[in-house]
Amino acid sequence: MLAQYYASRSDSEFDRAVVWVERACAQQPEDDDVLALRADLQRGLFGSRRYRQALERVSDGVL
């Protein structure tokens, strides 16, 4: 449900969700809930592309 919420939000809110998930995955790489949230954010026709774009924007310092 959390992934659906952020997937429907603006790009800046989605970017924040991606940052949070990536940080959580770095801290707890074995946590099934975090991995499931990451997978859910990448789901859908354009989900993985949107996720990669969010990572690029964050790494470029846009966030």
PDB file of N, CA and C in Angstrom:
ATOM      1  N   MET A   1       0.823  -1.189   0.000  1.00  0.00           N
ATOM      2  CA  MET A   1       0.000   0.000   0.000  1.00  0.00           C
ATOM      3  C   MET A   1       0.873   1.261   0.000  1.00  0.00           C
ATOM      4  N   LEU A   2       1.960   1.246   0.747  1.00  0.00           N
ATOM      5  CA  LEU A   2       2.865   2.385   0.789  1.00  0.00           C
ATOM      6  C   LEU A   2       3.452   2.665  -0.591  1.00  0.00           C
ATOM      7  N   ALA A   3       3.823   1.626  -1.306  1.00  0.00           N
ATOM      8  CA  ALA A   3       4.383   1.800  -2.647  1.00  0.00           C
ATOM      9  C   ALA A   3       3.355   2.404  -3.583  1.00  0.00           C
ATOM     10  N   GLN A   4       2.102   1.976  -3.481  1.00  0.00           N
ATOM     11  CA  GLN A   4       1.042   2.540  -4.325  1.00  0.00           C
ATOM     12  C   GLN A   4       0.848   4.014  -4.029  1.00  0.00           C
ATOM     13  N   TYR A   5       0.938   4.396  -2.776  1.00  0.00           N
ATOM     14  CA  TYR A   5       0.800   5.796  -2.396  1.00  0.00           C
ATOM     15  C   TYR A   5       1.895   6.631  -3.048  1.00  0.00           C
ATOM     16  N   TYR A   6       3.146   6.220  -2.881  1.00  0.00           N
ATOM     17  CA  TYR A   6       4.251   6.997  -3.436  1.00  0.00           C
ATOM     18  C   TYR A   6       4.286   6.945  -4.954  1.00  0.00           C
ATOM     19  N   ALA A   7       3.858   5.862  -5.539  1.00  0.00           N
ATOM     20  CA  ALA A   7       3.832   5.769  -6.997  1.00  0.00           C
ATOM     21  C   ALA A   7       2.849   6.763  -7.605  1.00  0.00           C
ATOM     22  N   SER A   8       1.837   7.143  -6.853  1.00  0.00           N
ATOM     23  CA  SER A   8       0.841   8.074  -7.375  1.00  0.00           C
ATOM     24  C   SER A   8       1.167   9.530  -7.046  1.00  0.00           C
ATOM     25  N   ARG A   9       2.229   9.774  -6.314  1.00  0.00           N
ATOM     26  CA  ARG A   9       2.617  11.128  -5.901  1.00  0.00           C
ATOM     27  C   ARG A   9       3.489  11.798  -6.953  1.00  0.00           C
ATOM     28  N   SER A  10       3.823  13.031  -6.690  1.00  0.00           N
ATOM     29  CA  SER A  10       4.689  13.797  -7.583  1.00  0.00           C
ATOM     30  C   SER A  10       6.079  13.162  -7.648  1.00  0.00           C
ATOM     31  N   ASP A  11       6.846  13.586  -8.643  1.00  0.00           N
ATOM     32  CA  ASP A  11       8.194  13.033  -8.790  1.00  0.00           C
ATOM     33  C   ASP A  11       9.056  13.300  -7.563  1.00  0.00           C
ATOM     34  N   SER A  12       8.930  14.475  -6.959  1.00  0.00           N
ATOM     35  CA  SER A  12       9.770  14.774  -5.796  1.00  0.00           C
ATOM     36  C   SER A  12       9.438  13.853  -4.629  1.00  0.00           C
ATOM     37  N   GLU A  13       8.168  13.556  -4.420  1.00  0.00           N
ATOM     38  CA  GLU A  13       7.795  12.634  -3.346  1.00  0.00           C
ATOM     39  C   GLU A  13       8.225  11.209  -3.680  1.00  0.00           C
ATOM     40  N   PHE A  14       8.100  10.841  -4.932  1.00  0.00           N
ATOM     41  CA  PHE A  14       8.552   9.516  -5.357  1.00  0.00           C
ATOM     42  C   PHE A  14      10.061   9.402  -5.164  1.00  0.00           C
ATOM     43  N   ASP A  15      10.798  10.461  -5.513  1.00  0.00           N
ATOM     44  CA  ASP A  15      12.250  10.469  -5.330  1.00  0.00           C
ATOM     45  C   ASP A  15      12.606  10.264  -3.862  1.00  0.00           C
ATOM     46  N   ARG A  16      11.886  10.911  -2.980  1.00  0.00           N
ATOM     47  CA  ARG A  16      12.148  10.749  -1.543  1.00  0.00           C
ATOM     48  C   ARG A  16      11.910   9.301  -1.107  1.00  0.00           C
ATOM     49  N   ALA A  17      10.869   8.683  -1.640  1.00  0.00           N
ATOM     50  CA  ALA A  17      10.587   7.287  -1.312  1.00  0.00           C
ATOM     51  C   ALA A  17      11.712   6.391  -1.810  1.00  0.00           C
ATOM     52  N   VAL A  18      12.217   6.670  -3.004  1.00  0.00           N
ATOM     53  CA  VAL A  18      13.314   5.877  -3.555  1.00  0.00           C
ATOM     54  C   VAL A  18      14.560   6.032  -2.685  1.00  0.00           C
ATOM     55  N   VAL A  19      14.864   7.251  -2.276  1.00  0.00           N
ATOM     56  CA  VAL A  19      16.018   7.490  -1.409  1.00  0.00           C
ATOM     57  C   VAL A  19      15.857   6.709  -0.110  1.00  0.00           C
ATOM     58  N   TRP A  20      14.682   6.780   0.479  1.00  0.00           N
ATOM     59  CA  TRP A  20      14.441   6.081   1.739  1.00  0.00           C
ATOM     60  C   TRP A  20      14.631   4.574   1.553  1.00  0.00           C
ATOM     61  N   VAL A  21      14.077   4.020   0.491  1.00  0.00           N
ATOM     62  CA  VAL A  21      14.185   2.576   0.251  1.00  0.00           C
ATOM     63  C   VAL A  21      15.632   2.176   0.023  1.00  0.00           C
ATOM     64  N   GLU A  22      16.355   2.963  -0.753  1.00  0.00           N
ATOM     65  CA  GLU A  22      17.757   2.624  -1.016  1.00  0.00           C
ATOM     66  C   GLU A  22      18.595   2.684   0.267  1.00  0.00           C
ATOM     67  N   ARG A  23      18.341   3.657   1.086  1.00  0.00           N
ATOM     68  CA  ARG A  23      19.059   3.745   2.370  1.00  0.00           C
ATOM     69  C   ARG A  23      18.702   2.563   3.268  1.00  0.00           C
ATOM     70  N   ALA A  24      17.427   2.225   3.305  1.00  0.00           N
ATOM     71  CA  ALA A  24      16.992   1.091   4.124  1.00  0.00           C
ATOM     72  C   ALA A  24      17.607  -0.207   3.617  1.00  0.00           C
ATOM     73  N   CYS A  25      17.690  -0.367   2.296  1.00  0.00           N
ATOM     74  CA  CYS A  25      18.304  -1.569   1.728  1.00  0.00           C
ATOM     75  C   CYS A  25      19.792  -1.633   2.055  1.00  0.00           C
ATOM     76  N   ALA A  26      20.444  -0.481   2.079  1.00  0.00           N
ATOM     77  CA  ALA A  26      21.868  -0.449   2.413  1.00  0.00           C
ATOM     78  C   ALA A  26      22.100  -0.832   3.879  1.00  0.00           C
ATOM     79  N   GLN A  27      21.184  -0.415   4.744  1.00  0.00           N
ATOM     80  CA  GLN A  27      21.332  -0.698   6.164  1.00  0.00           C
ATOM     81  C   GLN A  27      20.856  -2.089   6.534  1.00  0.00           C
ATOM     82  N   GLN A  28      19.819  -2.560   5.852  1.00  0.00           N
ATOM     83  CA  GLN A  28      19.236  -3.862   6.171  1.00  0.00           C
ATOM     84  C   GLN A  28      19.028  -4.652   4.877  1.00  0.00           C
ATOM     85  N   PRO A  29      20.100  -5.107   4.252  1.00  0.00           N
ATOM     86  CA  PRO A  29      19.986  -5.747   2.936  1.00  0.00           C
ATOM     87  C   PRO A  29      19.182  -7.050   2.917  1.00  0.00           C
ATOM     88  N   GLU A  30      18.964  -7.627   4.056  1.00  0.00           N
ATOM     89  CA  GLU A  30      18.230  -8.892   4.125  1.00  0.00           C
ATOM     90  C   GLU A  30      16.768  -8.722   4.543  1.00  0.00           C
ATOM     91  N   ASP A  31      16.332  -7.499   4.792  1.00  0.00           N
ATOM     92  CA  ASP A  31      14.980  -7.253   5.285  1.00  0.00           C
ATOM     93  C   ASP A  31      13.960  -7.458   4.166  1.00  0.00           C
ATOM     94  N   ASP A  32      13.099  -8.443   4.347  1.00  0.00           N
ATOM     95  CA  ASP A  32      12.116  -8.788   3.314  1.00  0.00           C
ATOM     96  C   ASP A  32      11.126  -7.654   3.044  1.00  0.00           C
ATOM     97  N   ASP A  33      10.743  -6.923   4.085  1.00  0.00           N
ATOM     98  CA  ASP A  33       9.782  -5.833   3.904  1.00  0.00           C
ATOM     99  C   ASP A  33      10.367  -4.707   3.056  1.00  0.00           C
ATOM    100  N   VAL A  34      11.612  -4.373   3.297  1.00  0.00           N
ATOM    101  CA  VAL A  34      12.271  -3.312   2.532  1.00  0.00           C
ATOM    102  C   VAL A  34      12.466  -3.748   1.087  1.00  0.00           C
ATOM    103  N   LEU A  35      12.887  -4.986   0.888  1.00  0.00           N
ATOM    104  CA  LEU A  35      13.069  -5.496  -0.466  1.00  0.00           C
ATOM    105  C   LEU A  35      11.746  -5.558  -1.217  1.00  0.00           C
ATOM    106  N   ALA A  36      10.687  -5.896  -0.514  1.00  0.00           N
ATOM    107  CA  ALA A  36       9.363  -5.933  -1.136  1.00  0.00           C
ATOM    108  C   ALA A  36       8.910  -4.530  -1.527  1.00  0.00           C
ATOM    109  N   LEU A  37       9.197  -3.555  -0.682  1.00  0.00           N
ATOM    110  CA  LEU A  37       8.831  -2.174  -1.005  1.00  0.00           C
ATOM    111  C   LEU A  37       9.611  -1.693  -2.228  1.00  0.00           C
ATOM    112  N   ARG A  38      10.885  -2.021  -2.294  1.00  0.00           N
ATOM    113  CA  ARG A  38      11.689  -1.649  -3.459  1.00  0.00           C
ATOM    114  C   ARG A  38      11.096  -2.274  -4.724  1.00  0.00           C
ATOM    115  N   ALA A  39      10.757  -3.547  -4.659  1.00  0.00           N
ATOM    116  CA  ALA A  39      10.177  -4.232  -5.818  1.00  0.00           C
ATOM    117  C   ALA A  39       8.836  -3.612  -6.208  1.00  0.00           C
ATOM    118  N   ASP A  40       8.033  -3.258  -5.216  1.00  0.00           N
ATOM    119  CA  ASP A  40       6.732  -2.645  -5.494  1.00  0.00           C
ATOM    120  C   ASP A  40       6.876  -1.280  -6.159  1.00  0.00           C
ATOM    121  N   LEU A  41       7.867  -0.500  -5.740  1.00  0.00           N
ATOM    122  CA  LEU A  41       8.082   0.811  -6.355  1.00  0.00           C
ATOM    123  C   LEU A  41       8.545   0.681  -7.804  1.00  0.00           C
ATOM    124  N   GLN A  42       9.167  -0.450  -8.139  1.00  0.00           N
ATOM    125  CA  GLN A  42       9.649  -0.668  -9.492  1.00  0.00           C
ATOM    126  C   GLN A  42       8.639  -1.397 -10.373  1.00  0.00           C
ATOM    127  N   ARG A  43       7.520  -1.762  -9.808  1.00  0.00           N
ATOM    128  CA  ARG A  43       6.520  -2.550 -10.517  1.00  0.00           C
ATOM    129  C   ARG A  43       5.753  -1.691 -11.518  1.00  0.00           C
ATOM    130  N   GLY A  44       5.222  -2.351 -12.479  1.00  0.00           N
ATOM    131  CA  GLY A  44       4.365  -1.676 -13.443  1.00  0.00           C
ATOM    132  C   GLY A  44       5.078  -1.436 -14.765  1.00  0.00           C
ATOM    133  N   LEU A  45       4.322  -0.917 -15.707  1.00  0.00           N
ATOM    134  CA  LEU A  45       4.826  -0.725 -17.055  1.00  0.00           C
ATOM    135  C   LEU A  45       6.044   0.192 -17.095  1.00  0.00           C
ATOM    136  N   PHE A  46       5.980   1.280 -16.362  1.00  0.00           N
ATOM    137  CA  PHE A  46       7.087   2.236 -16.359  1.00  0.00           C
ATOM    138  C   PHE A  46       7.781   2.333 -15.002  1.00  0.00           C
ATOM    139  N   GLY A  47       7.456   1.443 -14.099  1.00  0.00           N
ATOM    140  CA  GLY A  47       7.983   1.515 -12.743  1.00  0.00           C
ATOM    141  C   GLY A  47       9.493   1.449 -12.648  1.00  0.00           C
ATOM    142  N   SER A  48      10.106   0.506 -13.335  1.00  0.00           N
ATOM    143  CA  SER A  48      11.562   0.385 -13.226  1.00  0.00           C
ATOM    144  C   SER A  48      12.260   1.575 -13.852  1.00  0.00           C
ATOM    145  N   ARG A  49      11.696   2.082 -14.943  1.00  0.00           N
ATOM    146  CA  ARG A  49      12.279   3.272 -15.572  1.00  0.00           C
ATOM    147  C   ARG A  49      12.163   4.492 -14.657  1.00  0.00           C
ATOM    148  N   ARG A  50      11.006   4.658 -14.066  1.00  0.00           N
ATOM    149  CA  ARG A  50      10.789   5.790 -13.155  1.00  0.00           C
ATOM    150  C   ARG A  50      11.718   5.691 -11.946  1.00  0.00           C
ATOM    151  N   TYR A  51      11.906   4.485 -11.453  1.00  0.00           N
ATOM    152  CA  TYR A  51      12.798   4.253 -10.308  1.00  0.00           C
ATOM    153  C   TYR A  51      14.233   4.632 -10.671  1.00  0.00           C
ATOM    154  N   ARG A  52      14.710   4.179 -11.836  1.00  0.00           N
ATOM    155  CA  ARG A  52      16.062   4.526 -12.287  1.00  0.00           C
ATOM    156  C   ARG A  52      16.217   6.029 -12.473  1.00  0.00           C
ATOM    157  N   GLN A  53      15.205   6.673 -13.029  1.00  0.00           N
ATOM    158  CA  GLN A  53      15.261   8.121 -13.215  1.00  0.00           C
ATOM    159  C   GLN A  53      15.328   8.833 -11.869  1.00  0.00           C
ATOM    160  N   ALA A  54      14.598   8.339 -10.892  1.00  0.00           N
ATOM    161  CA  ALA A  54      14.636   8.933  -9.554  1.00  0.00           C
ATOM    162  C   ALA A  54      16.033   8.790  -8.960  1.00  0.00           C
ATOM    163  N   LEU A  55      16.644   7.627  -9.130  1.00  0.00           N
ATOM    164  CA  LEU A  55      18.006   7.425  -8.635  1.00  0.00           C
ATOM    165  C   LEU A  55      18.984   8.373  -9.321  1.00  0.00           C
ATOM    166  N   GLU A  56      18.798   8.595 -10.617  1.00  0.00           N
ATOM    167  CA  GLU A  56      19.666   9.517 -11.338  1.00  0.00           C
ATOM    168  C   GLU A  56      19.497  10.946 -10.832  1.00  0.00           C
ATOM    169  N   ARG A  57      18.255  11.353 -10.628  1.00  0.00           N
ATOM    170  CA  ARG A  57      18.012  12.713 -10.132  1.00  0.00           C
ATOM    171  C   ARG A  57      18.629  12.898  -8.751  1.00  0.00           C
ATOM    172  N   VAL A  58      18.491  11.905  -7.918  1.00  0.00           N
ATOM    173  CA  VAL A  58      19.038  11.986  -6.560  1.00  0.00           C
ATOM    174  C   VAL A  58      20.564  12.036  -6.616  1.00  0.00           C
ATOM    175  N   SER A  59      21.159  11.204  -7.462  1.00  0.00           N
ATOM    176  CA  SER A  59      22.617  11.196  -7.551  1.00  0.00           C
ATOM    177  C   SER A  59      23.150  12.482  -8.166  1.00  0.00           C
ATOM    178  N   ASP A  60      22.339  13.154  -8.976  1.00  0.00           N
ATOM    179  CA  ASP A  60      22.724  14.443  -9.558  1.00  0.00           C
ATOM    180  C   ASP A  60      22.486  15.598  -8.601  1.00  0.00           C
ATOM    181  N   GLY A  61      21.911  15.305  -7.446  1.00  0.00           N
ATOM    182  CA  GLY A  61      21.690  16.349  -6.435  1.00  0.00           C
ATOM    183  C   GLY A  61      20.431  17.161  -6.631  1.00  0.00           C
ATOM    184  N   VAL A  62      19.500  16.646  -7.408  1.00  0.00           N
ATOM    185  CA  VAL A  62      18.259  17.377  -7.652  1.00  0.00           C
ATOM    186  C   VAL A  62      17.366  17.389  -6.426  1.00  0.00           C
ATOM    187  N   LEU A  63      17.407  16.317  -5.662  1.00  0.00           N
ATOM    188  CA  LEU A  63      16.519  16.201  -4.490  1.00  0.00           C
ATOM    189  C   LEU A  63      16.963  17.097  -3.371  1.00  0.00           C
TER     190      LEU A  63
END
